[in-house]
C-alpha atoms as a PDB file:
ATOM      1  CA  UNK A   1      54.251  -0.503  -1.651  1.00  0.00           C
ATOM      2  CA  UNK A   2      51.681  -0.498  -4.585  1.00  0.00           C
ATOM      3  CA  UNK A   3      51.933  -4.134  -4.844  1.00  0.00           C
ATOM      4  CA  UNK A   4      51.419  -4.258  -1.271  1.00  0.00           C
ATOM      5  CA  UNK A   5      48.640  -1.872  -2.059  1.00  0.00           C
ATOM      6  CA  UNK A   6      46.894  -3.305  -4.765  1.00  0.00           C
ATOM      7  CA  UNK A   7      47.058  -6.627  -2.573  1.00  0.00           C
ATOM      8  CA  UNK A   8      45.049  -4.843   0.146  1.00  0.00           C
ATOM      9  CA  UNK A   9      42.532  -3.270  -2.444  1.00  0.00           C
ATOM     10  CA  UNK A  10      41.616  -6.471  -4.051  1.00  0.00           C
ATOM     11  CA  UNK A  11      40.837  -7.667  -0.908  1.00  0.00           C
ATOM     12  CA  UNK A  12      38.714  -5.372   0.018  1.00  0.00           C
ATOM     13  CA  UNK A  13      36.870  -5.994  -3.731  1.00  0.00           C
ATOM     14  CA  UNK A  14      36.996  -9.841  -2.554  1.00  0.00           C
ATOM     15  CA  UNK A  15      35.209  -9.592   0.990  1.00  0.00           C
ATOM     16  CA  UNK A  16      32.698  -6.435  -0.451  1.00  0.00           C
ATOM     17  CA  UNK A  17      31.941  -9.225  -2.830  1.00  0.00           C
ATOM     18  CA  UNK A  18      31.527 -11.752  -0.474  1.00  0.00           C
ATOM     19  CA  UNK A  19      29.191  -9.220   1.458  1.00  0.00           C
ATOM     20  CA  UNK A  20      27.164  -8.354  -0.985  1.00  0.00           C
ATOM     21  CA  UNK A  21      26.589 -12.109  -2.074  1.00  0.00           C
ATOM     22  CA  UNK A  22      25.715 -13.264   1.270  1.00  0.00           C
ATOM     23  CA  UNK A  23      23.092 -10.885   1.884  1.00  0.00           C
ATOM     24  CA  UNK A  24      21.681 -11.395  -1.854  1.00  0.00           C
ATOM     25  CA  UNK A  25      21.519 -15.183  -0.560  1.00  0.00           C
ATOM     26  CA  UNK A  26      19.685 -14.251   2.610  1.00  0.00           C
ATOM     27  CA  UNK A  27      16.955 -12.019   0.457  1.00  0.00           C
ATOM     28  CA  UNK A  28      16.039 -14.214  -1.300  1.00  0.00           C
ATOM     29  CA  UNK A  29      15.692 -16.933   1.157  1.00  0.00           C
ATOM     30  CA  UNK A  30      13.684 -14.624   2.695  1.00  0.00           C
ATOM     31  CA  UNK A  31      11.719 -13.699  -0.163  1.00  0.00           C
ATOM     32  CA  UNK A  32      11.140 -17.616  -0.362  1.00  0.00           C
ATOM     33  CA  UNK A  33      10.276 -18.742   3.397  1.00  0.00           C
ATOM     34  CA  UNK A  34       7.571 -15.517   2.995  1.00  0.00           C
ATOM     35  CA  UNK A  35       5.785 -16.582   0.516  1.00  0.00           C
ATOM     36  CA  UNK A  36       6.489 -21.247   0.786  1.00  0.00           C
ATOM     37  CA  UNK A  37       6.617 -20.886   5.018  1.00  0.00           C
ATOM     38  CA  UNK A  38      10.705 -21.698   5.931  1.00  0.00           C
ATOM     39  CA  UNK A  39       9.401 -25.689   5.912  1.00  0.00           C
ATOM     40  CA  UNK A  40       8.815 -25.870   2.455  1.00  0.00           C
ATOM     41  CA  UNK A  41      11.482 -24.215   1.437  1.00  0.00           C
ATOM     42  CA  UNK A  42      15.013 -26.554   0.774  1.00  0.00           C
ATOM     43  CA  UNK A  43      18.402 -25.287   0.172  1.00  0.00           C
ATOM     44  CA  UNK A  44      18.593 -25.834  -3.226  1.00  0.00           C
ATOM     45  CA  UNK A  45      15.454 -23.809  -3.219  1.00  0.00           C
ATOM     46  CA  UNK A  46      17.386 -20.990  -1.956  1.00  0.00           C
ATOM     47  CA  UNK A  47      20.291 -21.426  -4.241  1.00  0.00           C
ATOM     48  CA  UNK A  48      18.665 -20.740  -7.020  1.00  0.00           C
ATOM     49  CA  UNK A  49      16.930 -18.028  -6.026  1.00  0.00           C
ATOM     50  CA  UNK A  50      20.204 -16.644  -4.530  1.00  0.00           C
ATOM     51  CA  UNK A  51      21.864 -17.836  -8.086  1.00  0.00           C
ATOM     52  CA  UNK A  52      24.692 -19.524  -6.272  1.00  0.00           C
ATOM     53  CA  UNK A  53      26.077 -23.730  -6.448  1.00  0.00           C
ATOM     54  CA  UNK A  54      25.253 -25.891  -3.245  1.00  0.00           C
ATOM     55  CA  UNK A  55      29.148 -25.490  -2.205  1.00  0.00           C
ATOM     56  CA  UNK A  56      28.440 -21.583  -2.110  1.00  0.00           C
ATOM     57  CA  UNK A  57      25.762 -21.405   0.021  1.00  0.00           C
ATOM     58  CA  UNK A  58      27.837 -23.980   2.322  1.00  0.00           C
ATOM     59  CA  UNK A  59      30.143 -21.159   2.708  1.00  0.00           C
ATOM     60  CA  UNK A  60      28.774 -19.048   4.310  1.00  0.00           C
ATOM     61  CA  UNK A  61      26.120 -20.873   6.203  1.00  0.00           C
ATOM     62  CA  UNK A  62      26.210 -24.016   8.005  1.00  0.00           C
ATOM     63  CA  UNK A  63      22.625 -24.657   7.421  1.00  0.00           C
ATOM     64  CA  UNK A  64      19.095 -23.346   6.812  1.00  0.00           C
ATOM     65  CA  UNK A  65      18.347 -22.242  10.238  1.00  0.00           C
ATOM     66  CA  UNK A  66      21.381 -20.476   9.924  1.00  0.00           C
ATOM     67  CA  UNK A  67      21.051 -18.447   6.781  1.00  0.00           C
ATOM     68  CA  UNK A  68      17.186 -17.423   8.595  1.00  0.00           C
ATOM     69  CA  UNK A  69      18.875 -16.458  11.714  1.00  0.00           C
ATOM     70  CA  UNK A  70      20.787 -13.918  10.346  1.00  0.00           C
ATOM     71  CA  UNK A  71      19.316 -11.025  10.683  1.00  0.00           C
ATOM     72  CA  UNK A  72      18.522 -11.989  14.200  1.00  0.00           C
ATOM     73  CA  UNK A  73      23.088 -12.297  14.156  1.00  0.00           C
ATOM     74  CA  UNK A  74      23.612  -8.983  12.973  1.00  0.00           C
ATOM     75  CA  UNK A  75      21.149  -7.072  14.341  1.00  0.00           C
ATOM     76  CA  UNK A  76      22.913  -8.871  17.283  1.00  0.00           C
ATOM     77  CA  UNK A  77      26.465  -7.621  16.491  1.00  0.00           C
ATOM     78  CA  UNK A  78      25.234  -4.074  15.920  1.00  0.00           C
ATOM     79  CA  UNK A  79      23.959  -3.787  19.028  1.00  0.00           C
ATOM     80  CA  UNK A  80      27.000  -5.331  20.999  1.00  0.00           C
ATOM     81  CA  UNK A  81      29.067  -3.024  18.519  1.00  0.00           C
ATOM     82  CA  UNK A  82      26.734   0.098  19.099  1.00  0.00           C
ATOM     83  CA  UNK A  83      26.907  -0.615  23.159  1.00  0.00           C
ATOM     84  CA  UNK A  84      30.775  -0.911  23.025  1.00  0.00           C
ATOM     85  CA  UNK A  85      30.985   2.574  21.049  1.00  0.00           C
ATOM     86  CA  UNK A  86      28.510   4.454  23.489  1.00  0.00           C
ATOM     87  CA  UNK A  87      30.553   7.234  25.127  1.00  0.00           C
ATOM     88  CA  UNK A  88      32.473   6.172  28.211  1.00  0.00           C
ATOM     89  CA  UNK A  89      30.359   8.582  30.306  1.00  0.00           C
ATOM     90  CA  UNK A  90      27.474   7.482  30.269  1.00  0.00           C
ATOM     91  CA  UNK A  91      25.595   4.690  32.470  1.00  0.00           C
ATOM     92  CA  UNK A  92      24.167   1.603  31.894  1.00  0.00           C
ATOM     93  CA  UNK A  93      20.919   2.468  30.759  1.00  0.00           C
ATOM     94  CA  UNK A  94      21.989   5.605  28.855  1.00  0.00           C
ATOM     95  CA  UNK A  95      24.812   3.684  26.973  1.00  0.00           C
ATOM     96  CA  UNK A  96      21.992   1.034  26.378  1.00  0.00           C
ATOM     97  CA  UNK A  97      19.311   3.234  25.116  1.00  0.00           C
ATOM     98  CA  UNK A  98      22.611   5.285  23.159  1.00  0.00           C
ATOM     99  CA  UNK A  99      22.660   1.630  21.500  1.00  0.00           C
ATOM    100  CA  UNK A 100      19.217   0.940  21.023  1.00  0.00           C
ATOM    101  CA  UNK A 101      18.964   3.906  19.072  1.00  0.00           C
ATOM    102  CA  UNK A 102      21.281   3.309  16.681  1.00  0.00           C
ATOM    103  CA  UNK A 103      19.757  -0.228  16.806  1.00  0.00           C
ATOM    104  CA  UNK A 104      16.277   1.284  15.495  1.00  0.00           C
ATOM    105  CA  UNK A 105      18.342   2.905  12.889  1.00  0.00           C
ATOM    106  CA  UNK A 106      18.835  -0.316  11.324  1.00  0.00           C
ATOM    107  CA  UNK A 107      15.721  -1.964  12.093  1.00  0.00           C
ATOM    108  CA  UNK A 108      14.532   1.380  10.704  1.00  0.00           C
ATOM    109  CA  UNK A 109      16.331   1.336   6.951  1.00  0.00           C
ATOM    110  CA  UNK A 110      16.023  -2.723   6.685  1.00  0.00           C
ATOM    111  CA  UNK A 111      12.522  -2.993   7.916  1.00  0.00           C
ATOM    112  CA  UNK A 112      11.375  -5.055   5.347  1.00  0.00           C
ATOM    113  CA  UNK A 113      13.663  -7.574   4.708  1.00  0.00           C
ATOM    114  CA  UNK A 114      12.671  -7.393   9.009  1.00  0.00           C
ATOM    115  CA  UNK A 115       9.375  -8.216   8.285  1.00  0.00           C
ATOM    116  CA  UNK A 116      10.023 -11.186   6.069  1.00  0.00           C
ATOM    117  CA  UNK A 117      12.563 -12.207   8.341  1.00  0.00           C
ATOM    118  CA  UNK A 118       9.785 -12.319  11.382  1.00  0.00           C
ATOM    119  CA  UNK A 119       6.929 -13.736   9.520  1.00  0.00           C
ATOM    120  CA  UNK A 120       9.349 -16.962   8.382  1.00  0.00           C
ATOM    121  CA  UNK A 121      10.726 -17.653  11.965  1.00  0.00           C
ATOM    122  CA  UNK A 122       6.735 -16.873  13.747  1.00  0.00           C
ATOM    123  CA  UNK A 123       5.742 -19.503  10.875  1.00  0.00           C
ATOM    124  CA  UNK A 124       7.958 -22.296  11.510  1.00  0.00           C
ATOM    125  CA  UNK A 125       8.081 -24.284  14.923  1.00  0.00           C
ATOM    126  CA  UNK A 126      10.778 -25.776  14.024  1.00  0.00           C
ATOM    127  CA  UNK A 127      13.965 -22.698  14.247  1.00  0.00           C
ATOM    128  CA  UNK A 128      11.263 -21.233  17.233  1.00  0.00           C
ATOM    129  CA  UNK A 129      13.848 -22.438  19.465  1.00  0.00           C
ATOM    130  CA  UNK A 130      17.630 -20.550  17.826  1.00  0.00           C
ATOM    131  CA  UNK A 131      18.771 -18.343  20.729  1.00  0.00           C
ATOM    132  CA  UNK A 132      19.524 -16.119  17.424  1.00  0.00           C
ATOM    133  CA  UNK A 133      16.089 -15.757  17.061  1.00  0.00           C
ATOM    134  CA  UNK A 134      15.580 -13.666  19.515  1.00  0.00           C
ATOM    135  CA  UNK A 135      16.289 -10.472  21.540  1.00  0.00           C
ATOM    136  CA  UNK A 136      15.991 -11.845  25.085  1.00  0.00           C
ATOM    137  CA  UNK A 137      18.365 -14.708  24.618  1.00  0.00           C
ATOM    138  CA  UNK A 138      21.258 -12.106  23.744  1.00  0.00           C
ATOM    139  CA  UNK A 139      20.304 -10.395  27.174  1.00  0.00           C
ATOM    140  CA  UNK A 140      23.525 -11.798  29.072  1.00  0.00           C
ATOM    141  CA  UNK A 141      25.645 -10.815  26.296  1.00  0.00           C
ATOM    142  CA  UNK A 142      24.643  -7.538  26.151  1.00  0.00           C
ATOM    143  CA  UNK A 143      24.672  -7.325  30.170  1.00  0.00           C
ATOM    144  CA  UNK A 144      28.366  -8.449  29.971  1.00  0.00           C
ATOM    145  CA  UNK A 145      29.147  -5.363  27.182  1.00  0.00           C
ATOM    146  CA  UNK A 146      28.037  -3.047  29.500  1.00  0.00           C
ATOM    147  CA  UNK A 147      29.860  -4.761  32.629  1.00  0.00           C
ATOM    148  CA  UNK A 148      33.079  -4.946  29.445  1.00  0.00           C
ATOM    149  CA  UNK A 149      33.002  -0.793  29.175  1.00  0.00           C
ATOM    150  CA  UNK A 150      33.152  -0.295  32.774  1.00  0.00           C
ATOM    151  CA  UNK A 151      36.158  -3.018  32.490  1.00  0.00           C
ATOM    152  CA  UNK A 152      33.906  -5.201  35.435  1.00  0.00           C
ATOM    153  CA  UNK A 153      34.801  -8.735  35.030  1.00  0.00           C
ATOM    154  CA  UNK A 154      31.742 -11.093  34.787  1.00  0.00           C
ATOM    155  CA  UNK A 155      29.158 -12.194  36.366  1.00  0.00           C
ATOM    156  CA  UNK A 156      27.177  -9.582  35.545  1.00  0.00           C
ATOM    157  CA  UNK A 157      24.717  -8.011  38.897  1.00  0.00           C
ATOM    158  CA  UNK A 158      20.776  -8.876  38.665  1.00  0.00           C
ATOM    159  CA  UNK A 159      21.204  -4.667  38.844  1.00  0.00           C
ATOM    160  CA  UNK A 160      22.882  -5.282  35.141  1.00  0.00           C
ATOM    161  CA  UNK A 161      20.983  -7.892  33.740  1.00  0.00           C
ATOM    162  CA  UNK A 162      17.204  -6.339  35.144  1.00  0.00           C
ATOM    163  CA  UNK A 163      18.541  -2.291  33.331  1.00  0.00           C
ATOM    164  CA  UNK A 164      18.862  -4.761  29.927  1.00  0.00           C
ATOM    165  CA  UNK A 165      15.714  -6.851  30.427  1.00  0.00           C
ATOM    166  CA  UNK A 166      13.679  -4.105  30.610  1.00  0.00           C
ATOM    167  CA  UNK A 167      15.337  -2.664  28.076  1.00  0.00           C
ATOM    168  CA  UNK A 168      15.360  -5.039  25.445  1.00  0.00           C
ATOM    169  CA  UNK A 169      12.003  -5.865  26.036  1.00  0.00           C
ATOM    170  CA  UNK A 170      10.877  -2.576  25.397  1.00  0.00           C
ATOM    171  CA  UNK A 171      12.781  -2.320  22.167  1.00  0.00           C
ATOM    172  CA  UNK A 172      10.938  -5.923  21.246  1.00  0.00           C
ATOM    173  CA  UNK A 173       7.504  -4.159  21.732  1.00  0.00           C
ATOM    174  CA  UNK A 174       8.933  -1.065  19.227  1.00  0.00           C
ATOM    175  CA  UNK A 175      10.895  -3.741  17.046  1.00  0.00           C
ATOM    176  CA  UNK A 176       6.785  -5.424  16.619  1.00  0.00           C
ATOM    177  CA  UNK A 177       5.049  -2.541  15.476  1.00  0.00           C
ATOM    178  CA  UNK A 178       7.548  -0.901  13.567  1.00  0.00           C
ATOM    179  CA  UNK A 179       7.827  -4.512  11.541  1.00  0.00           C
ATOM    180  CA  UNK A 180       4.038  -5.486  11.781  1.00  0.00           C
ATOM    181  CA  UNK A 181       2.809  -1.801  10.430  1.00  0.00           C
ATOM    182  CA  UNK A 182       3.763   1.475   9.558  1.00  0.00           C
ATOM    183  CA  UNK A 183       4.796   3.863  12.023  1.00  0.00           C
ATOM    184  CA  UNK A 184       4.342   7.662  11.255  1.00  0.00           C
ATOM    185  CA  UNK A 185       7.542   8.517  13.907  1.00  0.00           C
ATOM    186  CA  UNK A 186       9.521   5.397  14.608  1.00  0.00           C
ATOM    187  CA  UNK A 187      12.157   6.799  16.684  1.00  0.00           C
ATOM    188  CA  UNK A 188       9.500   9.233  19.028  1.00  0.00           C
ATOM    189  CA  UNK A 189       7.428   6.008  19.552  1.00  0.00           C
ATOM    190  CA  UNK A 190      10.806   3.845  20.413  1.00  0.00           C
ATOM    191  CA  UNK A 191      11.269   6.744  22.527  1.00  0.00           C
ATOM    192  CA  UNK A 192       7.872   6.408  23.934  1.00  0.00           C
ATOM    193  CA  UNK A 193       8.429   3.123  24.236  1.00  0.00           C
ATOM    194  CA  UNK A 194      11.311   3.246  26.309  1.00  0.00           C
ATOM    195  CA  UNK A 195      10.521   6.041  28.454  1.00  0.00           C
ATOM    196  CA  UNK A 196       7.508   3.600  30.110  1.00  0.00           C
ATOM    197  CA  UNK A 197       9.747   0.573  30.955  1.00  0.00           C
END
């Protein structure tokens, strides 16, 4: 039994180290993108800044665009998890608000990182079309998550799609305000923005 626990513990430590190295790679890349611009940074530059080998980089990310898209992927994953974890008695709109408030905590905590991400994404025409770089492009997935909470199979009805579109549009406005400047009360501002939709 002790050997099995040790093996699980080792795997856990290895996975945490990998996650930390992956996050450090993203941070190094975002810092470089913010200073030089996305188009002027190579994978070799990122590897040097993150102190990893190119082989390690490609184990984490298939391409430079994927490392840039990582913060948006993280946000999408957190939003999906928060929708799934929302109390069952909430209707779609309230479950989505609950999930967006949970995501807002992550945004506020990682405001500097997301500011670098936004500057890099906006600064390069080559990466703007990526579906992972815009919350609006994830609306169908969010709507399907809401259906899954209720045990309903796709296709998504138009009412659910409108609920999601309004909420994600409001959240994008809030996200721009938070990442673009210093709001004294970001959560109060989120409540105002969500209430105005």
